[in-house]
Amino acid sequence: MVASALLLTGCTAAGPAESDEPVVLTTFTVLADIAGAVGGEHVRVESITRPGAEVHGYEPTPGDIRRAADASLVIDNGLGLEGWFEQFLADVDAPRVEASEGIETIDIEGTDRPNPHAWMSPANVEVYVENIEAALAELAPEHADDFAANAEAYRAELQQVQADLESGLAGLPENERALVTCEGAFSYLARDAGMTEHYLWPVNAEQQATPQQIAGVIDTVDDDGIRAVFCESTVSDAPMQQVVEATGASFGGTLYVDSLSEADGPVPSYLDLIRHDVDTIVAGLDG
């Protein structure tokens, strides 16, 4: 076993050269993609969770701890999203940045806890980019100009997505500018686009909607004449299909929130994810 371990170590050293760039470790794939866009070739960005994984209740592995020990910077979302994160960081010396710091938060309905899904607003992600840029510039000041240029280009992309959302909704009557989803993960997107938000259950609640919750959404869709309803990719859309059947509204499509897909999937980057969601929402509500 010792000989095999030494041989493996030797092969690793003699194989493809390890990158000399500092390692930036993020809690989930959305943050990794944003950090990679800002950091460019000057950092090596990794995500603790894999594409398609649920970040809320993730349980770190010993391998995750070892990766964190080698990180030069750790980026988390904050706002209570990663309940497992504080214990994870107990033995990690790398500096840490909360990407959401400075966001004007919205509380989860019925609580005094902030809704953690701040990245679902392109306007909020401009704040994420600013925080990440500052952290990277402190980590590798010799590349600060490149980080700033990358951040500026990325903000321009975000602003275009926000503009497309607003222009797409502009022709709808006010009562139809409503976003109805399974989970209340779109509070920030709705706020920043001037929409009302309705959902079957709030953030981090049980994924099985109650008859009362379904009935309440049915009444809202009927009363406001909402044309389409939606559901997230990580939960069953069966309860929302009951709303469709009862109201005659169409099922507008599947929305992505907590994770990117694999590279060959529908949302391999954050910009792909938010554009997909914006396009799906606008097309559904516009009929």
Protein backbone atom coordinates (compact mmCIF):
# COMPACT_ATOMS: atom_id res chain seq x y z
CA MET A 1 0.00 0.00 0.00
CA VAL A 2 2.85 2.36 0.87
CA ALA A 3 4.59 1.58 -2.40
CA SER A 4 1.37 2.17 -4.33
CA ALA A 5 0.83 5.48 -2.58
CA LEU A 6 4.35 6.60 -3.39
CA LEU A 7 3.91 5.54 -7.00
CA LEU A 8 0.64 7.46 -7.24
CA THR A 9 2.28 10.53 -5.75
CA GLY A 10 5.10 10.28 -8.23
CA CYS A 11 2.70 9.95 -11.14
CA THR A 12 0.79 13.01 -9.98
CA ALA A 13 3.96 15.07 -9.82
CA ALA A 14 5.20 13.86 -13.19
CA GLY A 15 1.81 14.11 -14.94
CA PRO A 16 0.01 17.28 -16.05
CA ALA A 17 1.45 20.22 -14.14
CA GLU A 18 -0.60 21.53 -11.29
CA SER A 19 -1.81 25.05 -11.90
CA ASP A 20 0.12 27.77 -10.12
CA GLU A 21 -2.96 29.98 -9.90
CA PRO A 22 -4.50 30.46 -6.45
CA VAL A 23 -7.44 28.17 -5.71
CA VAL A 24 -10.78 29.87 -5.10
CA LEU A 25 -13.26 27.49 -3.49
CA THR A 26 -16.99 28.29 -3.67
CA THR A 27 -19.93 26.60 -2.00
CA PHE A 28 -21.97 25.92 -5.15
CA THR A 29 -21.79 26.02 -8.91
CA VAL A 30 -23.46 29.38 -9.48
CA LEU A 31 -20.82 31.15 -7.38
CA ALA A 32 -18.04 29.18 -9.04
CA ASP A 33 -19.17 30.31 -12.48
CA ILE A 34 -19.44 33.97 -11.48
CA ALA A 35 -16.05 33.89 -9.75
CA GLY A 36 -14.51 32.18 -12.76
CA ALA A 37 -15.87 34.85 -15.09
CA VAL A 38 -14.32 37.61 -12.96
CA GLY A 39 -11.08 35.79 -12.18
CA GLY A 40 -10.43 34.58 -15.69
CA GLU A 41 -7.13 32.82 -16.26
CA HIS A 42 -5.56 34.14 -13.08
CA VAL A 43 -7.39 31.88 -10.60
CA ARG A 44 -8.53 28.26 -10.43
CA VAL A 45 -12.13 28.17 -9.25
CA GLU A 46 -13.74 25.06 -7.78
CA SER A 47 -17.20 24.35 -6.38
CA ILE A 48 -17.78 22.21 -3.31
CA THR A 49 -21.11 20.96 -4.67
CA ARG A 50 -21.42 19.38 -8.09
CA PRO A 51 -23.76 20.44 -10.93
CA GLY A 52 -27.32 19.51 -10.10
CA ALA A 53 -26.64 19.11 -6.36
CA GLU A 54 -28.85 20.62 -3.66
CA VAL A 55 -26.88 23.22 -1.72
CA HIS A 56 -29.29 23.82 1.19
CA GLY A 57 -28.76 20.57 3.03
CA TYR A 58 -25.38 19.54 1.64
CA GLU A 59 -23.15 17.48 3.90
CA PRO A 60 -19.41 18.16 3.36
CA THR A 61 -17.14 15.17 2.84
CA PRO A 62 -13.60 14.65 4.16
CA GLY A 63 -12.45 15.37 0.62
CA ASP A 64 -14.15 18.76 0.75
CA ILE A 65 -12.26 19.58 3.94
CA ARG A 66 -8.96 18.67 2.30
CA ARG A 67 -9.76 20.85 -0.70
CA ALA A 68 -10.61 23.77 1.55
CA ALA A 69 -7.28 23.42 3.33
CA ASP A 70 -5.54 24.17 0.03
CA ALA A 71 -7.77 27.09 -0.92
CA SER A 72 -6.45 30.64 -1.13
CA LEU A 73 -9.96 32.12 -0.89
CA VAL A 74 -13.37 30.73 0.06
CA ILE A 75 -16.58 32.30 -1.28
CA ASP A 76 -20.02 31.53 0.10
CA ASN A 77 -23.42 33.03 -0.58
CA GLY A 78 -24.38 33.82 3.01
CA LEU A 79 -27.93 34.76 4.04
CA GLY A 80 -28.29 31.39 5.74
CA LEU A 81 -28.11 29.38 2.51
CA GLU A 82 -25.26 27.12 3.58
CA GLY A 83 -26.31 25.96 7.02
CA TRP A 84 -23.43 23.48 7.04
CA PHE A 85 -20.77 26.06 6.22
CA GLU A 86 -19.67 27.43 9.60
CA GLN A 87 -18.66 24.00 10.87
CA PHE A 88 -17.00 23.34 7.54
CA LEU A 89 -14.78 26.41 8.00
CA ALA A 90 -13.73 25.58 11.55
CA ASP A 91 -10.27 24.34 10.51
CA VAL A 92 -9.85 26.37 7.32
CA ASP A 93 -7.42 29.29 7.38
CA ALA A 94 -8.24 30.77 3.98
CA PRO A 95 -9.88 34.21 3.89
CA ARG A 96 -13.62 34.18 3.28
CA VAL A 97 -16.00 36.49 1.46
CA GLU A 98 -19.79 36.46 1.47
CA ALA A 99 -20.82 37.19 -2.09
CA SER A 100 -24.20 38.62 -1.01
CA GLU A 101 -22.79 41.21 1.40
CA GLY A 102 -24.54 44.55 0.83
CA ILE A 103 -27.70 43.10 -0.74
CA GLU A 104 -30.99 44.67 0.35
CA THR A 105 -32.58 41.50 1.66
CA ILE A 106 -36.18 40.26 1.64
CA ASP A 107 -37.37 38.13 4.53
CA ILE A 108 -38.86 34.69 3.98
CA GLU A 109 -42.60 35.04 4.51
CA GLY A 110 -43.57 34.51 8.14
CA THR A 111 -40.00 34.72 9.43
CA ASP A 112 -37.30 37.26 10.22
CA ARG A 113 -34.76 35.30 8.17
CA PRO A 114 -33.59 36.60 4.78
CA ASN A 115 -34.46 34.77 1.62
CA PRO A 116 -31.05 33.43 0.53
CA HIS A 117 -31.75 33.30 -3.23
CA ALA A 118 -30.38 36.77 -3.93
CA TRP A 119 -28.52 35.59 -7.04
CA MET A 120 -31.85 35.12 -8.81
CA SER A 121 -31.86 38.86 -9.53
CA PRO A 122 -29.38 40.07 -12.18
CA ALA A 123 -29.24 43.41 -10.34
CA ASN A 124 -28.16 41.64 -7.15
CA VAL A 125 -25.47 39.69 -8.98
CA GLU A 126 -23.85 43.00 -9.85
CA VAL A 127 -23.21 43.26 -6.09
CA TYR A 128 -21.86 39.70 -6.07
CA VAL A 129 -19.48 40.64 -8.86
CA GLU A 130 -18.28 43.72 -6.99
CA ASN A 131 -17.59 41.70 -3.85
CA ILE A 132 -15.80 38.95 -5.74
CA GLU A 133 -13.73 41.42 -7.74
CA ALA A 134 -12.57 43.15 -4.54
CA ALA A 135 -11.64 39.82 -2.92
CA LEU A 136 -9.70 38.67 -5.98
CA ALA A 137 -7.87 41.99 -6.26
CA GLU A 138 -6.75 41.59 -2.65
CA LEU A 139 -5.70 38.00 -3.31
CA ALA A 140 -3.77 38.75 -6.51
CA PRO A 141 -3.26 42.53 -6.77
CA GLU A 142 -0.98 42.17 -9.78
CA HIS A 143 -4.04 41.15 -11.80
CA ALA A 144 -6.45 43.73 -10.40
CA ASP A 145 -6.86 45.51 -13.74
CA ASP A 146 -7.89 42.28 -15.46
CA PHE A 147 -10.35 41.47 -12.69
CA ALA A 148 -11.87 44.94 -13.06
CA ALA A 149 -12.21 44.58 -16.83
CA ASN A 150 -13.80 41.13 -16.51
CA ALA A 151 -16.20 42.42 -13.87
CA GLU A 152 -17.24 45.37 -16.01
CA ALA A 153 -17.96 43.12 -18.99
CA TYR A 154 -19.95 40.73 -16.81
CA ARG A 155 -22.02 43.55 -15.32
CA ALA A 156 -22.91 44.67 -18.84
CA GLU A 157 -24.27 41.16 -19.54
CA LEU A 158 -26.31 41.26 -16.33
CA GLN A 159 -27.75 44.66 -17.17
CA GLN A 160 -28.85 43.37 -20.58
CA VAL A 161 -30.67 40.44 -18.97
CA GLN A 162 -32.43 42.81 -16.58
CA ALA A 163 -33.39 45.10 -19.47
CA ASP A 164 -34.75 42.15 -21.47
CA LEU A 165 -36.89 41.09 -18.49
CA GLU A 166 -38.33 44.55 -17.99
CA SER A 167 -39.03 45.12 -21.68
CA GLY A 168 -40.59 41.69 -22.01
CA LEU A 169 -43.04 42.43 -19.21
CA ALA A 170 -43.77 46.01 -20.21
CA GLY A 171 -46.72 45.17 -22.45
CA LEU A 172 -48.54 43.08 -19.87
CA PRO A 173 -51.38 44.44 -17.74
CA GLU A 174 -50.23 45.01 -14.18
CA ASN A 175 -52.33 42.17 -12.76
CA GLU A 176 -50.64 39.72 -15.15
CA ARG A 177 -47.12 40.68 -14.11
CA ALA A 178 -47.13 37.90 -11.56
CA LEU A 179 -44.67 35.10 -11.01
CA VAL A 180 -46.26 31.91 -9.65
CA THR A 181 -43.78 29.16 -8.73
CA CYS A 182 -43.56 26.08 -6.54
CA GLU A 183 -41.00 27.53 -4.14
CA GLY A 184 -40.56 31.14 -3.05
CA ALA A 185 -37.10 31.42 -4.57
CA PHE A 186 -37.82 34.37 -6.87
CA SER A 187 -38.53 37.18 -4.42
CA TYR A 188 -35.59 39.30 -5.59
CA LEU A 189 -36.25 38.75 -9.28
CA ALA A 190 -39.90 39.69 -8.80
CA ARG A 191 -39.07 42.77 -6.76
CA ASP A 192 -36.49 44.09 -9.20
CA ALA A 193 -38.75 43.48 -12.21
CA GLY A 194 -41.85 45.06 -10.65
CA MET A 195 -43.72 41.76 -10.42
CA THR A 196 -45.83 40.23 -7.68
CA GLU A 197 -44.69 36.86 -6.37
CA HIS A 198 -46.85 33.87 -5.44
CA TYR A 199 -45.77 30.34 -4.57
CA LEU A 200 -46.95 27.05 -3.11
CA TRP A 201 -44.46 26.99 -0.25
CA PRO A 202 -41.78 29.36 1.07
CA VAL A 203 -38.06 28.79 0.92
CA ASN A 204 -36.74 25.60 2.55
CA ALA A 205 -40.25 24.43 3.44
CA GLU A 206 -41.57 20.97 2.78
CA GLN A 207 -41.65 20.27 -0.93
CA GLN A 208 -45.07 18.61 -0.71
CA ALA A 209 -47.62 21.39 -1.03
CA THR A 210 -50.65 21.22 1.24
CA PRO A 211 -54.21 21.32 -0.14
CA GLN A 212 -54.60 24.76 1.46
CA GLN A 213 -51.51 26.09 -0.31
CA ILE A 214 -52.67 24.74 -3.65
CA ALA A 215 -56.15 26.20 -3.15
CA GLY A 216 -54.70 29.59 -2.30
CA VAL A 217 -52.63 29.70 -5.48
CA ILE A 218 -55.62 28.55 -7.53
CA ASP A 219 -57.65 31.47 -6.18
CA THR A 220 -54.83 33.91 -6.96
CA VAL A 221 -54.39 32.66 -10.53
CA ASP A 222 -58.15 32.82 -11.15
CA ASP A 223 -58.66 36.23 -9.54
CA ASP A 224 -55.73 37.91 -11.32
CA GLY A 225 -56.11 36.20 -14.68
CA ILE A 226 -52.53 34.93 -14.60
CA ARG A 227 -51.72 33.15 -17.85
CA ALA A 228 -48.90 30.84 -16.81
CA VAL A 229 -47.37 29.20 -13.75
CA PHE A 230 -43.92 27.65 -13.28
CA CYS A 231 -41.95 25.21 -11.14
CA GLU A 232 -38.28 24.69 -10.28
CA SER A 233 -36.14 21.91 -11.71
CA THR A 234 -35.27 20.40 -8.31
CA VAL A 235 -38.85 19.64 -7.17
CA SER A 236 -41.88 17.81 -8.53
CA ASP A 237 -44.26 19.98 -10.55
CA ALA A 238 -47.23 17.73 -9.69
CA PRO A 239 -48.79 20.24 -7.23
CA MET A 240 -48.48 23.04 -9.78
CA GLN A 241 -50.09 20.83 -12.42
CA GLN A 242 -53.12 20.74 -10.13
CA VAL A 243 -53.21 24.53 -10.36
CA VAL A 244 -53.04 24.29 -14.16
CA GLU A 245 -55.90 21.80 -14.27
CA ALA A 246 -58.10 23.86 -11.96
CA THR A 247 -57.53 27.27 -13.55
CA GLY A 248 -56.81 26.73 -17.22
CA ALA A 249 -53.51 28.59 -16.90
CA SER A 250 -50.69 27.07 -18.90
CA PHE A 251 -47.59 25.49 -17.40
CA GLY A 252 -45.01 28.01 -18.50
CA GLY A 253 -41.98 25.79 -18.03
CA THR A 254 -39.22 24.70 -15.70
CA LEU A 255 -37.03 27.27 -13.96
CA TYR A 256 -33.50 26.74 -12.63
CA VAL A 257 -32.33 28.13 -9.30
CA ASP A 258 -29.83 26.37 -7.05
CA SER A 259 -27.42 24.75 -9.46
CA LEU A 260 -25.98 24.86 -12.93
CA SER A 261 -26.18 21.86 -15.19
CA GLU A 262 -23.29 19.88 -16.62
CA ALA A 263 -21.49 21.52 -19.54
CA ASP A 264 -23.74 19.80 -22.10
CA GLY A 265 -26.94 20.61 -20.17
CA PRO A 266 -29.44 23.45 -20.53
CA VAL A 267 -27.83 25.92 -18.07
CA PRO A 268 -24.05 25.37 -17.92
CA SER A 269 -23.34 28.94 -16.76
CA TYR A 270 -25.08 31.47 -14.53
CA LEU A 271 -25.81 33.73 -17.49
CA ASP A 272 -27.38 30.76 -19.27
CA LEU A 273 -29.45 30.03 -16.15
CA ILE A 274 -30.79 33.53 -15.65
CA ARG A 275 -31.41 34.06 -19.37
CA HIS A 276 -33.29 30.77 -19.54
CA ASP A 277 -35.47 31.75 -16.59
CA VAL A 278 -36.14 35.25 -17.90
CA ASP A 279 -36.99 33.99 -21.39
CA THR A 280 -39.23 31.25 -19.98
CA ILE A 281 -41.10 33.65 -17.67
CA VAL A 282 -41.63 36.27 -20.37
CA ALA A 283 -42.76 33.74 -22.98
CA GLY A 284 -45.14 32.07 -20.53
CA LEU A 285 -46.79 35.25 -19.30
CA ASP A 286 -46.99 36.78 -22.76
CA GLY A 287 -48.86 33.75 -24.03
